[in-house]
Amino acid sequence: MVGQGTTAESIALSGGRLDYYRRRPLTKGRTGPVIFLHPWFGCWQFWRHTVDALPEFDTYSVDLYSLGHRPDWADFASPDGLARAVGMLLDTLHIDRCSVIGNSMGGIAAQVIAAAQPDRIEKLILIGTGARTVGVKPDWRQAIDDWIAGPADREFAARMVGALLARQPEDPHEFEVFVEMVMNANKAFMGTVLTNAFKLDLRPKLRGITASTLVVRGELDASRTRAHVEELLAGIRDSRAVEIAGGGHSAQVDSPEAFSALVQAFLTC
């Protein structure tokens, strides 16, 4: 499920690689680049509709799960590790300035990058995420704990993927692709990243983010609350928030038109 003009590429890391999917500009205009970081239990294909809505941009949808196939995956099994790997990607591709869009765990990694390298990030969009995991909805936290402790079976994976969405895609094949990506990921790597994210509190670092920032929350987000949005707004100087009516934790999938319109307007203003 690869969109028009999208190519599978990767950079070498010692003992492994980091995969990404690049779509070069299809039309003239501002070319980006824009880096997309997917949620846990989601995948890089979560950005397909958003990428299609940005034909004038050079886009990079990163497959963060590919880090889990390294023999030394523990070196990257945290939000800081994910951010470090993305920084290595930017260095390798000689990307000095870009915008970053991150959802959930991808949004946590995006905050780390933007705080550590503020001169590198022009615009930042954070979806269904927060500066810490304290306060996530109890049912969501319990589901994650059950997944970490439970078997790596398809039914469980489908339930976790489904929890990200207020509505499943119209094409059932698209949802199955999402589930397959989770099933193919290294479960130990995924679980370790989650466990390390539970310990993280980025609030002291938010003042280091200088990028113009848009915080997006779906009205029906099964994990994050408005309190998480307020913490981001309080910490990031140049930030504003939008809530998508009827949207879920990954509004780019279940509310693609509304989400894409927000992204297009924000990146081109």
C-alpha atoms as a PDB file:
ATOM      1  CA  MET A   1       0.000   0.000   0.000  1.00  0.00           C
ATOM      2  CA  VAL A   2       2.417   2.635  -1.314  1.00  0.00           C
ATOM      3  CA  GLY A   3       1.138   5.901  -2.760  1.00  0.00           C
ATOM      4  CA  GLN A   4       1.950   7.434  -6.125  1.00  0.00           C
ATOM      5  CA  GLY A   5       5.608   8.382  -6.462  1.00  0.00           C
ATOM      6  CA  THR A   6       6.600   6.873  -3.100  1.00  0.00           C
ATOM      7  CA  THR A   7       9.821   4.858  -2.938  1.00  0.00           C
ATOM      8  CA  ALA A   8      11.125   2.576  -0.193  1.00  0.00           C
ATOM      9  CA  GLU A   9      14.553   3.712   0.994  1.00  0.00           C
ATOM     10  CA  SER A  10      16.785   3.200   4.023  1.00  0.00           C
ATOM     11  CA  ILE A  11      19.935   4.367   5.758  1.00  0.00           C
ATOM     12  CA  ALA A  12      22.492   1.979   7.184  1.00  0.00           C
ATOM     13  CA  LEU A  13      23.004   1.885  10.927  1.00  0.00           C
ATOM     14  CA  SER A  14      25.660  -0.309  12.510  1.00  0.00           C
ATOM     15  CA  GLY A  15      24.155  -3.772  12.561  1.00  0.00           C
ATOM     16  CA  GLY A  16      20.940  -2.754  10.814  1.00  0.00           C
ATOM     17  CA  ARG A  17      19.010  -0.016   9.055  1.00  0.00           C
ATOM     18  CA  LEU A  18      16.296   2.583   9.395  1.00  0.00           C
ATOM     19  CA  ASP A  19      13.665   2.347   6.670  1.00  0.00           C
ATOM     20  CA  TYR A  20      11.634   5.252   5.335  1.00  0.00           C
ATOM     21  CA  TYR A  21       9.299   5.952   2.437  1.00  0.00           C
ATOM     22  CA  ARG A  22       9.979   9.067   0.424  1.00  0.00           C
ATOM     23  CA  ARG A  23       7.569  10.852  -1.861  1.00  0.00           C
ATOM     24  CA  ARG A  24       9.278  13.578  -3.833  1.00  0.00           C
ATOM     25  CA  PRO A  25       7.201  16.617  -4.836  1.00  0.00           C
ATOM     26  CA  LEU A  26       4.637  15.895  -7.538  1.00  0.00           C
ATOM     27  CA  THR A  27       3.847  19.550  -8.218  1.00  0.00           C
ATOM     28  CA  LYS A  28       5.779  22.795  -8.125  1.00  0.00           C
ATOM     29  CA  GLY A  29       5.713  24.804  -4.945  1.00  0.00           C
ATOM     30  CA  ARG A  30       7.154  24.546  -1.505  1.00  0.00           C
ATOM     31  CA  THR A  31       8.997  21.242  -1.248  1.00  0.00           C
ATOM     32  CA  GLY A  32       9.367  20.651   2.503  1.00  0.00           C
ATOM     33  CA  PRO A  33      10.890  18.424   3.567  1.00  0.00           C
ATOM     34  CA  VAL A  34       8.365  16.975   6.019  1.00  0.00           C
ATOM     35  CA  ILE A  35       9.185  14.057   8.331  1.00  0.00           C
ATOM     36  CA  PHE A  36       6.327  11.803   9.520  1.00  0.00           C
ATOM     37  CA  LEU A  37       6.651   9.725  12.719  1.00  0.00           C
ATOM     38  CA  HIS A  38       3.963   7.101  13.296  1.00  0.00           C
ATOM     39  CA  PRO A  39       2.310   5.963  16.556  1.00  0.00           C
ATOM     40  CA  TRP A  40       2.934   2.682  18.331  1.00  0.00           C
ATOM     41  CA  PHE A  41       0.370   0.121  17.098  1.00  0.00           C
ATOM     42  CA  GLY A  42       0.175   2.252  13.988  1.00  0.00           C
ATOM     43  CA  CYS A  43       2.710   2.247  11.150  1.00  0.00           C
ATOM     44  CA  TRP A  44       4.206   4.425   8.442  1.00  0.00           C
ATOM     45  CA  GLN A  45       1.153   3.756   6.221  1.00  0.00           C
ATOM     46  CA  PHE A  46      -0.920   5.822   8.662  1.00  0.00           C
ATOM     47  CA  TRP A  47       0.350   8.870   6.763  1.00  0.00           C
ATOM     48  CA  ARG A  48      -0.746   7.813   3.275  1.00  0.00           C
ATOM     49  CA  HIS A  49      -3.744  10.161   3.066  1.00  0.00           C
ATOM     50  CA  THR A  50      -1.759  13.078   4.516  1.00  0.00           C
ATOM     51  CA  VAL A  51       1.105  12.577   2.069  1.00  0.00           C
ATOM     52  CA  ASP A  52      -1.371  12.428  -0.829  1.00  0.00           C
ATOM     53  CA  ALA A  53      -2.775  15.788   0.331  1.00  0.00           C
ATOM     54  CA  LEU A  54       0.680  17.419   0.185  1.00  0.00           C
ATOM     55  CA  PRO A  55       1.773  16.959  -3.460  1.00  0.00           C
ATOM     56  CA  GLU A  56       4.080  19.976  -3.351  1.00  0.00           C
ATOM     57  CA  PHE A  57       6.138  18.658  -0.410  1.00  0.00           C
ATOM     58  CA  ASP A  58       9.093  16.321  -0.164  1.00  0.00           C
ATOM     59  CA  THR A  59       7.870  13.800   2.436  1.00  0.00           C
ATOM     60  CA  TYR A  60       9.591  11.086   4.469  1.00  0.00           C
ATOM     61  CA  SER A  61       7.405   8.559   6.304  1.00  0.00           C
ATOM     62  CA  VAL A  62       9.748   6.824   8.739  1.00  0.00           C
ATOM     63  CA  ASP A  63       9.278   3.165   9.705  1.00  0.00           C
ATOM     64  CA  LEU A  64      10.340   3.293  13.340  1.00  0.00           C
ATOM     65  CA  TYR A  65       9.675  -0.422  13.745  1.00  0.00           C
ATOM     66  CA  SER A  66      12.599  -1.168  11.429  1.00  0.00           C
ATOM     67  CA  LEU A  67      14.925  -0.245  14.303  1.00  0.00           C
ATOM     68  CA  GLY A  68      13.680  -3.329  16.146  1.00  0.00           C
ATOM     69  CA  HIS A  69      15.248  -5.625  13.566  1.00  0.00           C
ATOM     70  CA  ARG A  70      18.759  -4.550  14.581  1.00  0.00           C
ATOM     71  CA  PRO A  71      20.685  -7.009  16.769  1.00  0.00           C
ATOM     72  CA  ASP A  72      21.437  -4.109  19.130  1.00  0.00           C
ATOM     73  CA  TRP A  73      17.890  -2.718  19.078  1.00  0.00           C
ATOM     74  CA  ALA A  74      18.033  -1.908  22.798  1.00  0.00           C
ATOM     75  CA  ASP A  75      20.201   1.109  21.942  1.00  0.00           C
ATOM     76  CA  PHE A  76      17.154   2.696  20.266  1.00  0.00           C
ATOM     77  CA  ALA A  77      14.344   1.274  22.431  1.00  0.00           C
ATOM     78  CA  SER A  78      13.162   4.539  23.999  1.00  0.00           C
ATOM     79  CA  PRO A  79      11.699   7.838  22.804  1.00  0.00           C
ATOM     80  CA  ASP A  80      15.194   9.333  23.069  1.00  0.00           C
ATOM     81  CA  GLY A  81      16.534   6.449  20.998  1.00  0.00           C
ATOM     82  CA  LEU A  82      13.888   6.909  18.325  1.00  0.00           C
ATOM     83  CA  ALA A  83      14.702  10.618  18.194  1.00  0.00           C
ATOM     84  CA  ARG A  84      18.418   9.862  17.909  1.00  0.00           C
ATOM     85  CA  ALA A  85      17.771   7.528  14.971  1.00  0.00           C
ATOM     86  CA  VAL A  86      15.693  10.178  13.199  1.00  0.00           C
ATOM     87  CA  GLY A  87      18.505  12.666  13.806  1.00  0.00           C
ATOM     88  CA  MET A  88      20.900  10.225  12.148  1.00  0.00           C
ATOM     89  CA  LEU A  89      18.502  10.024   9.204  1.00  0.00           C
ATOM     90  CA  LEU A  90      18.498  13.812   8.844  1.00  0.00           C
ATOM     91  CA  ASP A  91      22.288  13.899   9.064  1.00  0.00           C
ATOM     92  CA  THR A  92      22.720  11.157   6.465  1.00  0.00           C
ATOM     93  CA  LEU A  93      20.315  12.835   4.036  1.00  0.00           C
ATOM     94  CA  HIS A  94      21.844  16.282   4.714  1.00  0.00           C
ATOM     95  CA  ILE A  95      18.491  17.716   5.804  1.00  0.00           C
ATOM     96  CA  ASP A  96      19.373  20.865   7.723  1.00  0.00           C
ATOM     97  CA  ARG A  97      15.851  22.236   8.123  1.00  0.00           C
ATOM     98  CA  CYS A  98      12.502  20.423   8.066  1.00  0.00           C
ATOM     99  CA  SER A  99       9.050  20.143   9.561  1.00  0.00           C
ATOM    100  CA  VAL A 100       8.126  17.153  11.722  1.00  0.00           C
ATOM    101  CA  ILE A 101       4.692  15.597  12.216  1.00  0.00           C
ATOM    102  CA  GLY A 102       4.374  12.988  14.977  1.00  0.00           C
ATOM    103  CA  ASN A 103       1.463  10.975  16.322  1.00  0.00           C
ATOM    104  CA  SER A 104       1.420   9.491  19.840  1.00  0.00           C
ATOM    105  CA  MET A 105       4.834   7.810  20.352  1.00  0.00           C
ATOM    106  CA  GLY A 106       5.964   9.526  17.168  1.00  0.00           C
ATOM    107  CA  GLY A 107       4.840  12.794  18.737  1.00  0.00           C
ATOM    108  CA  ILE A 108       6.919  12.108  21.843  1.00  0.00           C
ATOM    109  CA  ALA A 109       9.989  11.480  19.676  1.00  0.00           C
ATOM    110  CA  ALA A 110       9.182  14.647  17.713  1.00  0.00           C
ATOM    111  CA  GLN A 111       9.199  16.694  20.928  1.00  0.00           C
ATOM    112  CA  VAL A 112      12.607  15.272  21.843  1.00  0.00           C
ATOM    113  CA  ILE A 113      14.009  16.184  18.419  1.00  0.00           C
ATOM    114  CA  ALA A 114      12.521  19.682  18.406  1.00  0.00           C
ATOM    115  CA  ALA A 115      13.817  20.441  21.915  1.00  0.00           C
ATOM    116  CA  ALA A 116      17.306  19.056  21.269  1.00  0.00           C
ATOM    117  CA  GLN A 117      17.782  20.595  17.803  1.00  0.00           C
ATOM    118  CA  PRO A 118      15.531  23.675  17.718  1.00  0.00           C
ATOM    119  CA  ASP A 119      17.313  25.313  14.790  1.00  0.00           C
ATOM    120  CA  ARG A 120      16.603  22.266  12.650  1.00  0.00           C
ATOM    121  CA  ILE A 121      12.814  22.136  13.038  1.00  0.00           C
ATOM    122  CA  GLU A 122      10.775  24.785  11.236  1.00  0.00           C
ATOM    123  CA  LYS A 123       7.264  23.580  12.082  1.00  0.00           C
ATOM    124  CA  LEU A 124       5.992  20.890  14.411  1.00  0.00           C
ATOM    125  CA  ILE A 125       2.639  19.094  14.438  1.00  0.00           C
ATOM    126  CA  LEU A 126       1.826  16.865  17.408  1.00  0.00           C
ATOM    127  CA  ILE A 127      -1.196  14.551  17.249  1.00  0.00           C
ATOM    128  CA  GLY A 128      -2.659  12.527  20.115  1.00  0.00           C
ATOM    129  CA  THR A 129       0.389  12.952  22.317  1.00  0.00           C
ATOM    130  CA  GLY A 130       1.701  14.735  25.379  1.00  0.00           C
ATOM    131  CA  ALA A 131       4.807  15.672  27.322  1.00  0.00           C
ATOM    132  CA  ARG A 132       4.290  12.657  29.618  1.00  0.00           C
ATOM    133  CA  THR A 133       2.115   9.578  29.853  1.00  0.00           C
ATOM    134  CA  VAL A 134       0.772  10.351  33.315  1.00  0.00           C
ATOM    135  CA  GLY A 135      -2.965  10.882  32.980  1.00  0.00           C
ATOM    136  CA  VAL A 136      -3.600   8.705  29.946  1.00  0.00           C
ATOM    137  CA  LYS A 137      -7.046   7.155  30.079  1.00  0.00           C
ATOM    138  CA  PRO A 138      -7.082   4.080  32.368  1.00  0.00           C
ATOM    139  CA  ASP A 139      -8.578   1.683  29.815  1.00  0.00           C
ATOM    140  CA  TRP A 140      -5.837   2.582  27.349  1.00  0.00           C
ATOM    141  CA  ARG A 141      -3.052   2.095  29.888  1.00  0.00           C
ATOM    142  CA  GLN A 142      -4.535  -1.249  30.933  1.00  0.00           C
ATOM    143  CA  ALA A 143      -4.737  -2.375  27.306  1.00  0.00           C
ATOM    144  CA  ILE A 144      -1.054  -1.510  26.811  1.00  0.00           C
ATOM    145  CA  ASP A 145      -0.049  -3.360  29.981  1.00  0.00           C
ATOM    146  CA  ASP A 146      -2.069  -6.385  28.863  1.00  0.00           C
ATOM    147  CA  TRP A 147      -0.440  -6.290  25.414  1.00  0.00           C
ATOM    148  CA  ILE A 148       3.080  -6.104  26.875  1.00  0.00           C
ATOM    149  CA  ALA A 149       2.386  -9.074  29.157  1.00  0.00           C
ATOM    150  CA  GLY A 150       0.294 -11.061  26.697  1.00  0.00           C
ATOM    151  CA  PRO A 151       0.880 -13.161  23.583  1.00  0.00           C
ATOM    152  CA  ALA A 152       1.800 -11.713  20.200  1.00  0.00           C
ATOM    153  CA  ASP A 153      -1.414 -12.879  18.540  1.00  0.00           C
ATOM    154  CA  ARG A 154      -3.283 -11.230  15.688  1.00  0.00           C
ATOM    155  CA  GLU A 155      -6.520 -10.654  17.589  1.00  0.00           C
ATOM    156  CA  PHE A 156      -4.692  -8.671  20.265  1.00  0.00           C
ATOM    157  CA  ALA A 157      -2.805  -6.670  17.640  1.00  0.00           C
ATOM    158  CA  ALA A 158      -6.035  -5.841  15.800  1.00  0.00           C
ATOM    159  CA  ARG A 159      -7.603  -4.637  19.035  1.00  0.00           C
ATOM    160  CA  MET A 160      -4.667  -2.323  19.731  1.00  0.00           C
ATOM    161  CA  VAL A 161      -4.648  -0.926  16.183  1.00  0.00           C
ATOM    162  CA  GLY A 162      -8.406  -0.424  16.330  1.00  0.00           C
ATOM    163  CA  ALA A 163      -8.118   1.512  19.580  1.00  0.00           C
ATOM    164  CA  LEU A 164      -6.212   4.240  17.739  1.00  0.00           C
ATOM    165  CA  LEU A 165      -9.133   4.939  15.442  1.00  0.00           C
ATOM    166  CA  ALA A 166     -12.582   6.384  16.031  1.00  0.00           C
ATOM    167  CA  ARG A 167     -13.634   4.671  12.791  1.00  0.00           C
ATOM    168  CA  GLN A 168     -11.912   1.971  10.785  1.00  0.00           C
ATOM    169  CA  PRO A 169     -10.935   2.728   7.164  1.00  0.00           C
ATOM    170  CA  GLU A 170     -13.616   2.165   4.540  1.00  0.00           C
ATOM    171  CA  ASP A 171     -11.322  -0.334   2.828  1.00  0.00           C
ATOM    172  CA  PRO A 172     -10.930  -3.318   5.207  1.00  0.00           C
ATOM    173  CA  HIS A 173      -7.702  -4.260   3.427  1.00  0.00           C
ATOM    174  CA  GLU A 174      -6.146  -1.036   4.673  1.00  0.00           C
ATOM    175  CA  PHE A 175      -6.832  -2.005   8.284  1.00  0.00           C
ATOM    176  CA  GLU A 176      -5.371  -5.471   7.695  1.00  0.00           C
ATOM    177  CA  VAL A 177      -2.190  -3.874   6.376  1.00  0.00           C
ATOM    178  CA  PHE A 178      -1.910  -1.888   9.601  1.00  0.00           C
ATOM    179  CA  VAL A 179      -2.342  -5.029  11.702  1.00  0.00           C
ATOM    180  CA  GLU A 180       0.209  -6.935   9.638  1.00  0.00           C
ATOM    181  CA  MET A 181       2.805  -4.209  10.229  1.00  0.00           C
ATOM    182  CA  VAL A 182       2.319  -4.511  13.998  1.00  0.00           C
ATOM    183  CA  MET A 183       2.480  -8.299  13.824  1.00  0.00           C
ATOM    184  CA  ASN A 184       5.761  -8.126  11.883  1.00  0.00           C
ATOM    185  CA  ALA A 185       7.362  -5.725  14.372  1.00  0.00           C
ATOM    186  CA  ASN A 186       9.688  -6.902  17.147  1.00  0.00           C
ATOM    187  CA  LYS A 187       7.317  -7.133  20.134  1.00  0.00           C
ATOM    188  CA  ALA A 188      10.147  -6.938  22.677  1.00  0.00           C
ATOM    189  CA  PHE A 189      11.412  -3.738  21.045  1.00  0.00           C
ATOM    190  CA  MET A 190       7.920  -2.232  20.971  1.00  0.00           C
ATOM    191  CA  GLY A 191       7.300  -3.113  24.610  1.00  0.00           C
ATOM    192  CA  THR A 192      10.624  -1.704  25.782  1.00  0.00           C
ATOM    193  CA  VAL A 193       9.974   1.589  24.004  1.00  0.00           C
ATOM    194  CA  LEU A 194       6.585   1.811  25.720  1.00  0.00           C
ATOM    195  CA  THR A 195       8.031   0.986  29.135  1.00  0.00           C
ATOM    196  CA  ASN A 196      10.680   3.677  28.748  1.00  0.00           C
ATOM    197  CA  ALA A 197       8.081   6.189  27.563  1.00  0.00           C
ATOM    198  CA  PHE A 198       6.123   5.660  30.796  1.00  0.00           C
ATOM    199  CA  LYS A 199       9.136   7.026  32.719  1.00  0.00           C
ATOM    200  CA  LEU A 200       9.559  10.128  30.567  1.00  0.00           C
ATOM    201  CA  ASP A 201       8.556  13.676  31.509  1.00  0.00           C
ATOM    202  CA  LEU A 202       9.365  16.184  28.770  1.00  0.00           C
ATOM    203  CA  ARG A 203       7.778  19.220  30.419  1.00  0.00           C
ATOM    204  CA  PRO A 204      11.147  20.734  31.470  1.00  0.00           C
ATOM    205  CA  LYS A 205      12.360  20.493  27.859  1.00  0.00           C
ATOM    206  CA  LEU A 206       9.378  22.061  26.123  1.00  0.00           C
ATOM    207  CA  ARG A 207      10.752  25.604  26.492  1.00  0.00           C
ATOM    208  CA  GLY A 208      13.567  24.557  24.200  1.00  0.00           C
ATOM    209  CA  ILE A 209      11.144  24.071  21.313  1.00  0.00           C
ATOM    210  CA  THR A 210      11.177  27.156  19.102  1.00  0.00           C
ATOM    211  CA  ALA A 211       9.287  25.715  16.115  1.00  0.00           C
ATOM    212  CA  SER A 212       5.824  26.983  15.369  1.00  0.00           C
ATOM    213  CA  THR A 213       3.709  24.143  16.769  1.00  0.00           C
ATOM    214  CA  LEU A 214       0.217  22.836  16.110  1.00  0.00           C
ATOM    215  CA  VAL A 215      -1.213  20.438  18.714  1.00  0.00           C
ATOM    216  CA  VAL A 216      -4.019  18.250  17.359  1.00  0.00           C
ATOM    217  CA  ARG A 217      -6.342  16.067  19.410  1.00  0.00           C
ATOM    218  CA  GLY A 218      -9.243  13.976  18.195  1.00  0.00           C
ATOM    219  CA  GLU A 219     -12.418  14.556  20.172  1.00  0.00           C
ATOM    220  CA  LEU A 220     -12.791  10.784  20.718  1.00  0.00           C
ATOM    221  CA  ASP A 221      -9.130  10.070  21.520  1.00  0.00           C
ATOM    222  CA  ALA A 222      -9.108   6.832  23.533  1.00  0.00           C
ATOM    223  CA  SER A 223      -5.791   7.680  25.210  1.00  0.00           C
ATOM    224  CA  ARG A 224      -4.997  11.355  25.549  1.00  0.00           C
ATOM    225  CA  THR A 225      -7.056  14.045  27.264  1.00  0.00           C
ATOM    226  CA  ARG A 226      -7.339  17.812  26.946  1.00  0.00           C
ATOM    227  CA  ALA A 227      -5.036  18.081  29.973  1.00  0.00           C
ATOM    228  CA  HIS A 228      -2.205  16.670  27.862  1.00  0.00           C
ATOM    229  CA  VAL A 229      -2.893  19.327  25.240  1.00  0.00           C
ATOM    230  CA  GLU A 230      -2.837  22.058  27.881  1.00  0.00           C
ATOM    231  CA  GLU A 231       0.568  20.908  29.167  1.00  0.00           C
ATOM    232  CA  LEU A 232       2.009  21.156  25.667  1.00  0.00           C
ATOM    233  CA  LEU A 233       0.518  24.603  25.132  1.00  0.00           C
ATOM    234  CA  ALA A 234       1.864  25.791  28.490  1.00  0.00           C
ATOM    235  CA  GLY A 235       5.376  24.593  27.683  1.00  0.00           C
ATOM    236  CA  ILE A 236       5.846  25.364  23.971  1.00  0.00           C
ATOM    237  CA  ARG A 237       6.075  29.096  23.371  1.00  0.00           C
ATOM    238  CA  ASP A 238       4.725  29.316  19.827  1.00  0.00           C
ATOM    239  CA  SER A 239       1.883  26.812  19.946  1.00  0.00           C
ATOM    240  CA  ARG A 240      -1.833  26.521  19.369  1.00  0.00           C
ATOM    241  CA  ALA A 241      -4.289  23.643  19.502  1.00  0.00           C
ATOM    242  CA  VAL A 242      -7.117  22.261  17.386  1.00  0.00           C
ATOM    243  CA  GLU A 243      -9.563  19.491  18.266  1.00  0.00           C
ATOM    244  CA  ILE A 244     -11.017  17.426  15.417  1.00  0.00           C
ATOM    245  CA  ALA A 245     -14.693  16.656  15.990  1.00  0.00           C
ATOM    246  CA  GLY A 246     -15.308  12.911  15.889  1.00  0.00           C
ATOM    247  CA  GLY A 247     -11.595  12.176  15.492  1.00  0.00           C
ATOM    248  CA  GLY A 248      -9.690   9.506  17.364  1.00  0.00           C
ATOM    249  CA  HIS A 249      -6.135   9.075  18.628  1.00  0.00           C
ATOM    250  CA  SER A 250      -4.868   8.907  15.033  1.00  0.00           C
ATOM    251  CA  ALA A 251      -7.116  11.431  13.334  1.00  0.00           C
ATOM    252  CA  GLN A 252      -5.003  11.335  10.164  1.00  0.00           C
ATOM    253  CA  VAL A 253      -6.514   7.887   9.508  1.00  0.00           C
ATOM    254  CA  ASP A 254     -10.109   8.171  10.723  1.00  0.00           C
ATOM    255  CA  SER A 255     -10.621  11.852   9.802  1.00  0.00           C
ATOM    256  CA  PRO A 256      -8.250  12.272   6.845  1.00  0.00           C
ATOM    257  CA  GLU A 257      -9.987  15.187   5.130  1.00  0.00           C
ATOM    258  CA  ALA A 258     -10.199  17.337   8.251  1.00  0.00           C
ATOM    259  CA  PHE A 259      -6.686  16.459   9.332  1.00  0.00           C
ATOM    260  CA  SER A 260      -5.100  17.001   5.915  1.00  0.00           C
ATOM    261  CA  ALA A 261      -6.764  20.406   5.607  1.00  0.00           C
ATOM    262  CA  LEU A 262      -5.260  21.459   8.945  1.00  0.00           C
ATOM    263  CA  VAL A 263      -1.792  20.251   7.948  1.00  0.00           C
ATOM    264  CA  GLN A 264      -1.891  21.892   4.525  1.00  0.00           C
ATOM    265  CA  ALA A 265      -2.965  25.224   6.015  1.00  0.00           C
ATOM    266  CA  PHE A 266      -0.393  25.105   8.811  1.00  0.00           C
ATOM    267  CA  LEU A 267       2.571  24.155   6.660  1.00  0.00           C
ATOM    268  CA  THR A 268       1.847  26.763   3.996  1.00  0.00           C
ATOM    269  CA  CYS A 269       0.970  29.736   6.189  1.00  0.00           C
END
